[in-house]
């Protein structure tokens, strides 16, 4: 058994949506990176998923306390080709989320930062058995985070749906860690997809594939 078996490896390349494209589609948002709290640094020191695990408890609490209490959106991003170089706008978006509950971004994004931090330094087997796919994906890609404050919870919810549609129009897939859970045939989702399409057209980003 096994004689004459031919193993074929198929590599699929998918163009991910970038921060630059989302920023162009929603110019009303201002994206801010999550950074360490260090007044002695001339430039903010961005936190990555793995570097979160190196923070002691007081420093992590300071990072979380620096997040705004307002509602908003947040992104987890991955470096192109695995190399952290260039501007944040060049990064692939692997998760787009919203903070619409009590405590806003500080509560929602702060919790996610803690989940990811708790998974750093664990074995892959331990993370697989004890952690949700979200923190595992962020650690695997050593993701970095940006957030944007919105006027209210309703705007955050609307913009999340519209920008997920923007991302999927560009590459036929929503961001890696979002999966397809955002898609439905409900009235508000259909409206969001149309508005996402309109945003792409207005930003000059829509390129229809060759049929």
N, C-alpha and C. Protein backbone atom coordinates (compact mmCIF):
# COMPACT_ATOMS: atom_id res chain seq x y z
N UNK A 1 0.85 -1.20 0.00
CA UNK A 1 0.00 0.00 0.00
C UNK A 1 0.88 1.24 0.00
N UNK A 2 0.46 2.23 -0.76
CA UNK A 2 1.24 3.44 -0.83
C UNK A 2 2.16 3.50 -2.03
N UNK A 3 2.38 2.36 -2.70
CA UNK A 3 3.24 2.36 -3.88
C UNK A 3 2.56 3.13 -5.01
N UNK A 4 3.34 3.94 -5.65
CA UNK A 4 2.81 4.73 -6.76
C UNK A 4 2.01 5.94 -6.33
N UNK A 5 1.99 6.19 -5.01
CA UNK A 5 1.26 7.34 -4.50
C UNK A 5 1.97 8.64 -4.89
N UNK A 6 1.25 9.55 -5.42
CA UNK A 6 1.80 10.84 -5.83
C UNK A 6 1.22 11.93 -4.92
N UNK A 7 2.08 12.66 -4.28
CA UNK A 7 1.66 13.74 -3.41
C UNK A 7 1.76 15.06 -4.18
N UNK A 8 0.65 15.77 -4.24
CA UNK A 8 0.61 17.03 -4.96
C UNK A 8 0.34 18.15 -3.94
N UNK A 9 1.19 19.14 -3.93
CA UNK A 9 1.01 20.30 -3.05
C UNK A 9 0.47 21.47 -3.86
N UNK A 10 -0.64 21.99 -3.39
CA UNK A 10 -1.27 23.11 -4.06
C UNK A 10 -1.16 24.34 -3.16
N UNK A 11 -0.59 25.40 -3.68
CA UNK A 11 -0.45 26.64 -2.93
C UNK A 11 -1.41 27.67 -3.49
N UNK A 12 -2.25 28.19 -2.61
CA UNK A 12 -3.24 29.18 -3.01
C UNK A 12 -2.84 30.54 -2.44
N UNK A 13 -2.78 31.52 -3.29
CA UNK A 13 -2.43 32.87 -2.86
C UNK A 13 -3.68 33.75 -2.89
N UNK A 14 -3.96 34.40 -1.76
CA UNK A 14 -5.13 35.27 -1.66
C UNK A 14 -4.67 36.68 -1.33
N UNK A 15 -5.17 37.65 -2.08
CA UNK A 15 -4.84 39.05 -1.82
C UNK A 15 -5.68 39.56 -0.66
N UNK A 16 -5.04 39.90 0.44
CA UNK A 16 -5.77 40.37 1.61
C UNK A 16 -6.02 41.87 1.52
N UNK A 17 -7.08 42.31 2.15
CA UNK A 17 -7.36 43.73 2.26
C UNK A 17 -6.34 44.37 3.19
N UNK A 18 -5.91 45.58 2.89
CA UNK A 18 -4.91 46.26 3.71
C UNK A 18 -5.54 47.42 4.48
N UNK A 19 -4.80 47.90 5.47
CA UNK A 19 -5.23 49.06 6.23
C UNK A 19 -5.40 50.26 5.30
N UNK A 20 -4.52 50.39 4.32
CA UNK A 20 -4.59 51.51 3.38
C UNK A 20 -5.94 51.52 2.65
N UNK A 21 -6.41 50.35 2.24
CA UNK A 21 -7.67 50.28 1.50
C UNK A 21 -8.86 50.61 2.41
N UNK A 22 -8.85 50.11 3.63
CA UNK A 22 -9.94 50.44 4.54
C UNK A 22 -9.94 51.93 4.90
N UNK A 23 -8.75 52.50 5.05
CA UNK A 23 -8.65 53.93 5.36
C UNK A 23 -9.17 54.77 4.20
N UNK A 24 -8.90 54.35 2.98
CA UNK A 24 -9.38 55.08 1.81
C UNK A 24 -10.89 54.96 1.67
N UNK A 25 -11.42 53.80 2.02
CA UNK A 25 -12.86 53.57 1.90
C UNK A 25 -13.65 54.27 3.01
N UNK A 26 -13.01 54.51 4.15
CA UNK A 26 -13.68 55.17 5.27
C UNK A 26 -12.79 56.29 5.82
N UNK A 27 -12.65 57.37 5.06
CA UNK A 27 -11.73 58.44 5.47
C UNK A 27 -12.17 59.16 6.75
N UNK A 28 -13.39 58.93 7.19
CA UNK A 28 -13.84 59.58 8.43
C UNK A 28 -13.22 58.96 9.67
N UNK A 29 -12.57 57.81 9.53
CA UNK A 29 -11.94 57.15 10.66
C UNK A 29 -10.46 57.50 10.76
N UNK A 30 -9.98 57.62 11.98
CA UNK A 30 -8.57 57.88 12.23
C UNK A 30 -8.00 56.71 13.04
N UNK A 31 -7.10 55.94 12.42
CA UNK A 31 -6.58 54.72 13.04
C UNK A 31 -5.35 55.03 13.90
N UNK A 32 -5.35 54.50 15.11
CA UNK A 32 -4.28 54.72 16.08
C UNK A 32 -3.69 53.37 16.51
N UNK A 33 -2.38 53.20 16.45
CA UNK A 33 -1.80 51.92 16.88
C UNK A 33 -1.79 51.79 18.40
N UNK A 34 -1.92 50.55 18.87
CA UNK A 34 -1.76 50.27 20.30
C UNK A 34 -0.27 50.18 20.60
N UNK A 35 0.19 51.00 21.54
CA UNK A 35 1.62 51.11 21.81
C UNK A 35 1.92 50.90 23.29
N UNK A 36 3.18 50.66 23.59
CA UNK A 36 3.61 50.62 24.99
C UNK A 36 3.59 52.03 25.55
N UNK A 37 3.48 52.14 26.84
CA UNK A 37 3.47 53.44 27.50
C UNK A 37 4.88 53.76 27.95
N UNK A 38 5.55 54.61 27.19
CA UNK A 38 6.93 54.97 27.50
C UNK A 38 7.18 56.40 27.04
N UNK A 39 7.16 57.33 27.96
CA UNK A 39 7.31 58.75 27.61
C UNK A 39 8.72 59.08 27.14
N UNK A 40 9.69 58.20 27.37
CA UNK A 40 11.07 58.48 26.98
C UNK A 40 11.32 58.18 25.50
N UNK A 41 10.39 57.48 24.85
CA UNK A 41 10.57 57.14 23.45
C UNK A 41 10.15 58.30 22.56
N UNK A 42 10.96 58.59 21.54
CA UNK A 42 10.61 59.64 20.60
C UNK A 42 9.45 59.20 19.71
N UNK A 43 9.43 57.92 19.37
CA UNK A 43 8.37 57.37 18.55
C UNK A 43 7.63 56.29 19.34
N UNK A 44 6.31 56.17 19.16
CA UNK A 44 5.57 55.13 19.87
C UNK A 44 6.10 53.74 19.52
N UNK A 45 6.18 52.88 20.50
CA UNK A 45 6.65 51.52 20.30
C UNK A 45 5.44 50.61 20.18
N UNK A 46 5.11 50.22 18.95
CA UNK A 46 3.92 49.40 18.72
C UNK A 46 4.05 48.03 19.36
N UNK A 47 2.93 47.58 19.90
CA UNK A 47 2.89 46.26 20.51
C UNK A 47 2.47 45.21 19.49
N UNK A 48 3.19 44.11 19.47
CA UNK A 48 2.79 42.96 18.65
C UNK A 48 2.22 41.91 19.58
N UNK A 49 1.59 40.89 19.01
CA UNK A 49 0.98 39.84 19.82
C UNK A 49 1.99 39.18 20.74
N UNK A 50 3.17 38.84 20.22
CA UNK A 50 4.16 38.16 21.05
C UNK A 50 4.78 39.08 22.09
N UNK A 51 4.93 40.37 21.75
CA UNK A 51 5.51 41.28 22.74
C UNK A 51 4.56 41.57 23.89
N UNK A 52 3.26 41.33 23.67
CA UNK A 52 2.30 41.48 24.76
C UNK A 52 2.64 40.54 25.91
N UNK A 53 3.12 39.34 25.55
CA UNK A 53 3.45 38.36 26.57
C UNK A 53 4.68 38.71 27.38
N UNK A 54 5.43 39.71 26.95
CA UNK A 54 6.64 40.12 27.67
C UNK A 54 6.38 41.27 28.65
N UNK A 55 5.16 41.79 28.64
CA UNK A 55 4.84 42.91 29.52
C UNK A 55 4.51 42.39 30.93
N UNK A 56 5.03 43.09 31.93
CA UNK A 56 4.62 42.73 33.29
C UNK A 56 3.20 43.26 33.52
N UNK A 57 2.59 42.84 34.61
CA UNK A 57 1.19 43.21 34.85
C UNK A 57 0.95 44.71 34.93
N UNK A 58 1.78 45.48 35.67
CA UNK A 58 1.52 46.94 35.74
C UNK A 58 1.60 47.61 34.37
N UNK A 59 2.58 47.20 33.55
CA UNK A 59 2.72 47.81 32.22
C UNK A 59 1.53 47.46 31.34
N UNK A 60 1.09 46.21 31.40
CA UNK A 60 -0.07 45.81 30.60
C UNK A 60 -1.30 46.60 31.02
N UNK A 61 -1.50 46.78 32.31
CA UNK A 61 -2.65 47.54 32.79
C UNK A 61 -2.59 48.99 32.32
N UNK A 62 -1.38 49.55 32.21
CA UNK A 62 -1.22 50.91 31.69
C UNK A 62 -1.58 50.97 30.21
N UNK A 63 -1.17 49.96 29.46
CA UNK A 63 -1.52 49.91 28.03
C UNK A 63 -3.03 49.86 27.87
N UNK A 64 -3.67 49.01 28.66
CA UNK A 64 -5.12 48.89 28.58
C UNK A 64 -5.81 50.19 29.01
N UNK A 65 -5.30 50.82 30.06
CA UNK A 65 -5.91 52.06 30.55
C UNK A 65 -5.79 53.20 29.55
N UNK A 66 -4.82 53.11 28.63
CA UNK A 66 -4.64 54.16 27.63
C UNK A 66 -5.66 54.06 26.50
N UNK A 67 -6.37 52.94 26.40
CA UNK A 67 -7.38 52.79 25.36
C UNK A 67 -8.61 53.63 25.71
N UNK A 68 -9.26 54.22 24.71
CA UNK A 68 -10.42 55.08 24.99
C UNK A 68 -11.64 54.27 25.42
N UNK A 69 -12.50 54.91 26.20
CA UNK A 69 -13.74 54.28 26.64
C UNK A 69 -14.85 54.42 25.60
N UNK A 70 -14.60 55.20 24.55
CA UNK A 70 -15.62 55.40 23.53
C UNK A 70 -15.79 54.15 22.67
N UNK A 71 -16.93 54.01 22.00
CA UNK A 71 -17.11 52.91 21.04
C UNK A 71 -16.23 53.11 19.82
N UNK A 72 -16.01 52.06 19.07
CA UNK A 72 -15.18 52.18 17.88
C UNK A 72 -14.92 50.86 17.21
N UNK A 73 -13.99 50.88 16.28
CA UNK A 73 -13.56 49.70 15.53
C UNK A 73 -12.10 49.43 15.84
N UNK A 74 -11.68 48.19 15.64
CA UNK A 74 -10.27 47.87 15.81
C UNK A 74 -9.85 46.82 14.78
N UNK A 75 -8.58 46.83 14.45
CA UNK A 75 -8.00 45.92 13.47
C UNK A 75 -6.85 45.15 14.09
N UNK A 76 -6.74 43.87 13.75
CA UNK A 76 -5.51 43.12 13.97
C UNK A 76 -4.87 42.96 12.60
N UNK A 77 -3.60 43.29 12.49
CA UNK A 77 -2.94 43.33 11.19
C UNK A 77 -1.69 42.45 11.18
N UNK A 78 -1.36 41.96 10.01
CA UNK A 78 -0.17 41.14 9.84
C UNK A 78 0.79 41.81 8.88
N UNK A 79 2.08 41.56 9.09
CA UNK A 79 3.10 42.16 8.24
C UNK A 79 3.10 41.49 6.88
N UNK A 80 3.28 42.27 5.82
CA UNK A 80 3.40 41.66 4.50
C UNK A 80 4.65 40.81 4.42
N UNK A 81 4.50 39.59 3.93
CA UNK A 81 5.63 38.67 3.76
C UNK A 81 6.32 38.35 5.09
N UNK A 82 5.63 38.59 6.20
CA UNK A 82 6.18 38.24 7.50
C UNK A 82 7.25 39.19 8.01
N UNK A 83 7.52 40.27 7.30
CA UNK A 83 8.58 41.20 7.70
C UNK A 83 7.95 42.52 8.14
N UNK A 84 8.26 42.94 9.37
CA UNK A 84 7.70 44.20 9.87
C UNK A 84 8.53 45.37 9.38
N UNK A 85 8.13 45.88 8.23
CA UNK A 85 8.80 47.05 7.67
C UNK A 85 7.74 47.89 6.95
N UNK A 86 8.04 49.12 6.73
CA UNK A 86 7.09 49.99 6.07
C UNK A 86 6.05 50.53 7.02
N UNK A 87 5.05 51.19 6.46
CA UNK A 87 4.01 51.83 7.25
C UNK A 87 2.90 50.86 7.61
N UNK A 88 2.16 51.21 8.66
CA UNK A 88 1.05 50.36 9.08
C UNK A 88 0.00 50.22 7.99
N UNK A 89 -0.08 51.21 7.09
CA UNK A 89 -1.09 51.18 6.03
C UNK A 89 -0.87 50.04 5.04
N UNK A 90 0.36 49.49 5.00
CA UNK A 90 0.66 48.42 4.06
C UNK A 90 0.27 47.04 4.61
N UNK A 91 -0.15 46.97 5.84
CA UNK A 91 -0.37 45.68 6.49
C UNK A 91 -1.70 45.05 6.09
N UNK A 92 -1.70 43.74 6.06
CA UNK A 92 -2.92 42.99 5.77
C UNK A 92 -3.82 42.97 7.00
N UNK A 93 -5.10 43.14 6.78
CA UNK A 93 -6.08 43.08 7.87
C UNK A 93 -6.52 41.63 8.05
N UNK A 94 -6.26 41.08 9.23
CA UNK A 94 -6.67 39.70 9.48
C UNK A 94 -7.86 39.62 10.44
N UNK A 95 -8.23 40.72 11.03
CA UNK A 95 -9.46 40.75 11.83
C UNK A 95 -9.94 42.19 11.96
N UNK A 96 -11.24 42.36 11.79
CA UNK A 96 -11.89 43.66 12.00
C UNK A 96 -13.00 43.44 13.02
N UNK A 97 -12.94 44.17 14.11
CA UNK A 97 -13.95 44.02 15.15
C UNK A 97 -14.51 45.36 15.58
N UNK A 98 -15.55 45.30 16.39
CA UNK A 98 -16.18 46.51 16.89
C UNK A 98 -16.29 46.45 18.41
N UNK A 99 -16.27 47.62 19.02
CA UNK A 99 -16.46 47.74 20.46
C UNK A 99 -17.69 48.60 20.69
N UNK A 100 -18.80 47.96 21.02
CA UNK A 100 -20.06 48.68 21.18
C UNK A 100 -20.66 48.49 22.57
N UNK A 101 -19.99 47.75 23.42
CA UNK A 101 -20.53 47.50 24.76
C UNK A 101 -20.07 48.53 25.77
N UNK A 102 -20.44 48.29 27.02
CA UNK A 102 -20.03 49.18 28.10
C UNK A 102 -18.51 49.19 28.21
N UNK A 103 -17.94 50.36 28.34
CA UNK A 103 -16.48 50.46 28.43
C UNK A 103 -15.81 50.66 27.11
N UNK A 104 -16.56 50.56 26.01
CA UNK A 104 -16.02 50.84 24.68
C UNK A 104 -14.79 50.04 24.31
N UNK A 105 -13.84 50.70 23.66
CA UNK A 105 -12.63 50.04 23.18
C UNK A 105 -11.77 49.54 24.33
N UNK A 106 -11.77 50.27 25.44
CA UNK A 106 -10.94 49.83 26.56
C UNK A 106 -11.37 48.45 27.06
N UNK A 107 -12.66 48.24 27.11
CA UNK A 107 -13.17 46.96 27.59
C UNK A 107 -13.00 45.86 26.55
N UNK A 108 -13.50 46.10 25.34
CA UNK A 108 -13.51 45.06 24.32
C UNK A 108 -12.11 44.73 23.81
N UNK A 109 -11.41 45.74 23.33
CA UNK A 109 -10.07 45.50 22.81
C UNK A 109 -9.12 45.12 23.95
N UNK A 110 -9.32 45.72 25.12
CA UNK A 110 -8.50 45.36 26.27
C UNK A 110 -8.61 43.90 26.61
N UNK A 111 -9.82 43.34 26.52
CA UNK A 111 -10.00 41.91 26.77
C UNK A 111 -9.27 41.07 25.73
N UNK A 112 -9.35 41.49 24.46
CA UNK A 112 -8.67 40.72 23.42
C UNK A 112 -7.16 40.75 23.60
N UNK A 113 -6.64 41.91 23.97
CA UNK A 113 -5.20 42.00 24.23
C UNK A 113 -4.81 41.03 25.35
N UNK A 114 -5.64 40.93 26.36
CA UNK A 114 -5.36 40.02 27.49
C UNK A 114 -5.42 38.57 27.04
N UNK A 115 -6.44 38.21 26.21
CA UNK A 115 -6.52 36.83 25.73
C UNK A 115 -5.27 36.44 24.95
N UNK A 116 -4.85 37.35 24.06
CA UNK A 116 -3.66 37.06 23.26
C UNK A 116 -2.43 36.98 24.16
N UNK A 117 -2.31 37.91 25.08
CA UNK A 117 -1.16 37.92 26.01
C UNK A 117 -1.07 36.60 26.78
N UNK A 118 -2.21 36.08 27.22
CA UNK A 118 -2.21 34.84 28.00
C UNK A 118 -1.80 33.62 27.18
N UNK A 119 -1.87 33.74 25.85
CA UNK A 119 -1.49 32.60 25.01
C UNK A 119 -0.04 32.59 24.60
N UNK A 120 0.65 33.70 24.79
CA UNK A 120 2.06 33.80 24.39
C UNK A 120 2.91 32.91 25.31
N UNK A 121 3.83 32.18 24.72
CA UNK A 121 4.71 31.31 25.49
C UNK A 121 4.15 29.93 25.74
N UNK A 122 2.91 29.69 25.35
CA UNK A 122 2.31 28.36 25.48
C UNK A 122 2.68 27.50 24.28
N UNK A 123 2.62 26.21 24.46
CA UNK A 123 2.87 25.32 23.33
C UNK A 123 1.68 25.37 22.38
N UNK A 124 1.94 25.02 21.13
CA UNK A 124 0.85 25.01 20.14
C UNK A 124 -0.25 24.05 20.57
N UNK A 125 0.13 22.92 21.16
CA UNK A 125 -0.86 21.94 21.60
C UNK A 125 -1.73 22.51 22.72
N UNK A 126 -1.10 23.23 23.65
CA UNK A 126 -1.85 23.83 24.76
C UNK A 126 -2.81 24.90 24.25
N UNK A 127 -2.32 25.73 23.33
CA UNK A 127 -3.19 26.78 22.78
C UNK A 127 -4.36 26.17 22.02
N UNK A 128 -4.09 25.10 21.28
CA UNK A 128 -5.16 24.44 20.52
C UNK A 128 -6.24 23.91 21.44
N UNK A 129 -5.83 23.38 22.60
CA UNK A 129 -6.78 22.76 23.53
C UNK A 129 -7.49 23.78 24.41
N UNK A 130 -6.89 24.95 24.63
CA UNK A 130 -7.42 25.86 25.64
C UNK A 130 -7.75 27.26 25.15
N UNK A 131 -7.41 27.59 23.91
CA UNK A 131 -7.63 28.94 23.43
C UNK A 131 -8.49 28.95 22.18
N UNK A 132 -9.32 29.98 22.10
CA UNK A 132 -10.14 30.22 20.91
C UNK A 132 -9.23 30.48 19.70
N UNK A 133 -9.77 30.28 18.51
CA UNK A 133 -8.97 30.47 17.31
C UNK A 133 -8.46 31.88 17.12
N UNK A 134 -9.17 32.88 17.67
CA UNK A 134 -8.77 34.28 17.50
C UNK A 134 -7.39 34.55 18.08
N UNK A 135 -7.13 34.30 19.38
CA UNK A 135 -5.79 34.57 19.90
C UNK A 135 -4.73 33.69 19.26
N UNK A 136 -5.08 32.47 18.88
CA UNK A 136 -4.09 31.61 18.24
C UNK A 136 -3.65 32.19 16.90
N UNK A 137 -4.61 32.73 16.14
CA UNK A 137 -4.27 33.33 14.85
C UNK A 137 -3.41 34.57 15.03
N UNK A 138 -3.71 35.39 16.05
CA UNK A 138 -2.95 36.61 16.26
C UNK A 138 -1.51 36.31 16.67
N UNK A 139 -1.34 35.28 17.50
CA UNK A 139 0.01 34.90 17.92
C UNK A 139 0.79 34.33 16.74
N UNK A 140 0.14 33.49 15.94
CA UNK A 140 0.81 32.88 14.79
C UNK A 140 1.33 33.94 13.82
N UNK A 141 0.55 35.01 13.65
CA UNK A 141 0.95 36.07 12.71
C UNK A 141 1.67 37.23 13.41
N UNK A 142 1.89 37.11 14.72
CA UNK A 142 2.50 38.19 15.50
C UNK A 142 1.81 39.51 15.16
N UNK A 143 0.49 39.50 15.23
CA UNK A 143 -0.32 40.63 14.76
C UNK A 143 -0.15 41.87 15.62
N UNK A 144 -0.41 43.01 15.00
CA UNK A 144 -0.40 44.30 15.69
C UNK A 144 -1.78 44.94 15.54
N UNK A 145 -2.09 45.87 16.42
CA UNK A 145 -3.47 46.34 16.55
C UNK A 145 -3.58 47.85 16.34
N UNK A 146 -4.64 48.25 15.66
CA UNK A 146 -5.00 49.65 15.51
C UNK A 146 -6.46 49.81 15.88
N UNK A 147 -6.83 51.00 16.35
CA UNK A 147 -8.23 51.25 16.68
C UNK A 147 -8.65 52.62 16.19
N UNK A 148 -9.96 52.79 16.05
CA UNK A 148 -10.53 54.08 15.63
C UNK A 148 -11.80 54.32 16.41
N UNK A 149 -11.92 55.50 16.99
CA UNK A 149 -13.11 55.88 17.75
C UNK A 149 -14.22 56.29 16.79
N UNK A 150 -15.45 55.91 17.11
CA UNK A 150 -16.60 56.32 16.31
C UNK A 150 -17.50 57.23 17.15
N UNK A 151 -18.44 57.88 16.48
CA UNK A 151 -19.31 58.84 17.17
C UNK A 151 -20.20 58.16 18.20
N UNK A 152 -20.65 56.94 17.88
CA UNK A 152 -21.53 56.22 18.79
C UNK A 152 -21.51 54.74 18.43
N UNK A 153 -22.27 53.94 19.19
CA UNK A 153 -22.30 52.49 18.97
C UNK A 153 -22.91 52.14 17.62
N UNK A 154 -23.94 52.91 17.24
CA UNK A 154 -24.61 52.62 15.98
C UNK A 154 -23.66 52.79 14.79
N UNK A 155 -22.85 53.85 14.82
CA UNK A 155 -21.89 54.05 13.74
C UNK A 155 -20.85 52.95 13.71
N UNK A 156 -20.41 52.50 14.88
CA UNK A 156 -19.43 51.41 14.93
C UNK A 156 -20.00 50.15 14.30
N UNK A 157 -21.25 49.82 14.62
CA UNK A 157 -21.88 48.62 14.08
C UNK A 157 -22.05 48.73 12.57
N UNK A 158 -22.50 49.90 12.09
CA UNK A 158 -22.70 50.09 10.66
C UNK A 158 -21.39 50.02 9.90
N UNK A 159 -20.36 50.70 10.43
CA UNK A 159 -19.07 50.72 9.73
C UNK A 159 -18.41 49.36 9.74
N UNK A 160 -18.59 48.58 10.79
CA UNK A 160 -18.02 47.23 10.79
C UNK A 160 -18.59 46.43 9.62
N UNK A 161 -19.91 46.45 9.46
CA UNK A 161 -20.53 45.70 8.37
C UNK A 161 -20.08 46.21 7.01
N UNK A 162 -20.02 47.53 6.87
CA UNK A 162 -19.64 48.10 5.57
C UNK A 162 -18.19 47.79 5.23
N UNK A 163 -17.29 47.87 6.20
CA UNK A 163 -15.88 47.63 5.91
C UNK A 163 -15.58 46.15 5.71
N UNK A 164 -16.35 45.27 6.34
CA UNK A 164 -16.21 43.84 6.03
C UNK A 164 -16.63 43.59 4.58
N UNK A 165 -17.65 44.31 4.13
CA UNK A 165 -18.05 44.20 2.73
C UNK A 165 -16.97 44.76 1.81
N UNK A 166 -16.36 45.87 2.21
CA UNK A 166 -15.25 46.43 1.43
C UNK A 166 -14.14 45.40 1.28
N UNK A 167 -13.78 44.75 2.38
CA UNK A 167 -12.71 43.75 2.34
C UNK A 167 -13.07 42.59 1.43
N UNK A 168 -14.31 42.12 1.50
CA UNK A 168 -14.68 40.95 0.71
C UNK A 168 -14.84 41.26 -0.77
N UNK A 169 -15.22 42.50 -1.11
CA UNK A 169 -15.27 42.87 -2.53
C UNK A 169 -13.88 42.82 -3.13
N UNK A 170 -12.88 43.19 -2.34
CA UNK A 170 -11.53 43.25 -2.87
C UNK A 170 -10.89 41.90 -3.12
N UNK A 171 -11.21 40.90 -2.27
CA UNK A 171 -10.51 39.61 -2.43
C UNK A 171 -11.45 38.42 -2.35
N UNK A 172 -12.77 38.66 -2.32
CA UNK A 172 -13.79 37.62 -2.25
C UNK A 172 -13.84 36.91 -0.90
N UNK A 173 -13.00 37.33 0.03
CA UNK A 173 -12.98 36.76 1.36
C UNK A 173 -12.97 37.88 2.40
N UNK A 174 -13.65 37.66 3.51
CA UNK A 174 -13.52 38.59 4.61
C UNK A 174 -12.18 38.33 5.30
N UNK A 175 -11.73 39.23 6.19
CA UNK A 175 -10.44 39.00 6.85
C UNK A 175 -10.35 37.62 7.50
N UNK A 176 -9.15 37.07 7.51
CA UNK A 176 -8.88 35.70 7.94
C UNK A 176 -9.65 35.28 9.19
N UNK A 177 -9.53 36.03 10.27
CA UNK A 177 -10.12 35.62 11.54
C UNK A 177 -11.59 35.97 11.66
N UNK A 178 -12.14 36.74 10.72
CA UNK A 178 -13.57 37.01 10.74
C UNK A 178 -14.38 35.85 10.16
N UNK A 179 -13.76 35.12 9.22
CA UNK A 179 -14.48 34.04 8.57
C UNK A 179 -15.66 34.59 7.78
N UNK A 180 -16.70 33.79 7.66
CA UNK A 180 -17.88 34.22 6.90
C UNK A 180 -19.05 34.56 7.81
N UNK A 181 -18.79 34.68 9.12
CA UNK A 181 -19.88 34.89 10.07
C UNK A 181 -20.59 36.22 9.88
N UNK A 182 -19.94 37.18 9.21
CA UNK A 182 -20.54 38.50 9.02
C UNK A 182 -21.63 38.48 7.97
N UNK A 183 -21.63 37.45 7.10
CA UNK A 183 -22.52 37.49 5.93
C UNK A 183 -23.90 36.95 6.29
N UNK A 184 -24.93 37.62 5.84
CA UNK A 184 -26.30 37.12 5.95
C UNK A 184 -27.14 37.85 4.92
N UNK A 185 -28.37 37.40 4.76
CA UNK A 185 -29.27 38.02 3.78
C UNK A 185 -30.23 39.00 4.45
N UNK A 186 -29.92 39.39 5.69
CA UNK A 186 -30.79 40.34 6.38
C UNK A 186 -30.75 41.70 5.70
N UNK A 187 -31.77 42.49 5.95
CA UNK A 187 -31.87 43.80 5.30
C UNK A 187 -30.68 44.68 5.62
N UNK A 188 -30.25 44.72 6.90
CA UNK A 188 -29.14 45.61 7.25
C UNK A 188 -27.83 45.13 6.66
N UNK A 189 -27.67 43.81 6.46
CA UNK A 189 -26.44 43.32 5.83
C UNK A 189 -26.44 43.60 4.33
N UNK A 190 -27.57 43.47 3.69
CA UNK A 190 -27.65 43.81 2.26
C UNK A 190 -27.37 45.29 2.06
N UNK A 191 -27.91 46.12 2.93
CA UNK A 191 -27.66 47.56 2.84
C UNK A 191 -26.17 47.86 3.07
N UNK A 192 -25.56 47.15 4.02
CA UNK A 192 -24.15 47.37 4.31
C UNK A 192 -23.29 46.97 3.12
N UNK A 193 -23.65 45.89 2.44
CA UNK A 193 -22.86 45.48 1.27
C UNK A 193 -22.95 46.51 0.15
N UNK A 194 -24.13 47.09 -0.03
CA UNK A 194 -24.27 48.13 -1.05
C UNK A 194 -23.46 49.36 -0.68
N UNK A 195 -23.49 49.75 0.59
CA UNK A 195 -22.71 50.91 1.03
C UNK A 195 -21.22 50.63 0.94
N UNK A 196 -20.82 49.39 1.24
CA UNK A 196 -19.42 49.02 1.08
C UNK A 196 -18.98 49.14 -0.36
N UNK A 197 -19.84 48.69 -1.27
CA UNK A 197 -19.56 48.80 -2.70
C UNK A 197 -19.43 50.28 -3.09
N UNK A 198 -20.34 51.11 -2.60
CA UNK A 198 -20.30 52.54 -2.91
C UNK A 198 -19.01 53.19 -2.39
N UNK A 199 -18.56 52.75 -1.21
CA UNK A 199 -17.31 53.29 -0.65
C UNK A 199 -16.13 52.93 -1.55
N UNK A 200 -16.10 51.70 -2.04
CA UNK A 200 -15.01 51.29 -2.93
C UNK A 200 -15.00 52.11 -4.22
N UNK A 201 -16.17 52.31 -4.78
CA UNK A 201 -16.27 53.11 -6.01
C UNK A 201 -15.80 54.54 -5.75
N UNK A 202 -16.25 55.13 -4.65
CA UNK A 202 -15.86 56.52 -4.33
C UNK A 202 -14.38 56.66 -4.10
N UNK A 203 -13.75 55.60 -3.55
CA UNK A 203 -12.30 55.65 -3.27
C UNK A 203 -11.47 55.22 -4.47
N UNK A 204 -12.13 54.79 -5.56
CA UNK A 204 -11.41 54.33 -6.74
C UNK A 204 -10.69 53.02 -6.55
N UNK A 205 -11.22 52.17 -5.67
CA UNK A 205 -10.54 50.92 -5.32
C UNK A 205 -11.17 49.69 -5.96
N UNK A 206 -12.33 49.85 -6.58
CA UNK A 206 -13.03 48.68 -7.10
C UNK A 206 -12.45 48.27 -8.44
N UNK A 207 -11.95 47.04 -8.49
CA UNK A 207 -11.43 46.47 -9.74
C UNK A 207 -12.17 45.18 -9.97
N UNK A 208 -13.09 45.15 -10.93
CA UNK A 208 -13.83 43.93 -11.19
C UNK A 208 -12.93 42.88 -11.84
N UNK A 209 -13.03 41.62 -11.40
CA UNK A 209 -12.22 40.57 -12.00
C UNK A 209 -12.66 40.29 -13.43
N UNK A 210 -11.75 39.74 -14.20
CA UNK A 210 -12.10 39.35 -15.59
C UNK A 210 -13.06 38.18 -15.55
N UNK A 211 -14.22 38.27 -16.19
CA UNK A 211 -15.20 37.17 -16.12
C UNK A 211 -14.70 35.93 -16.84
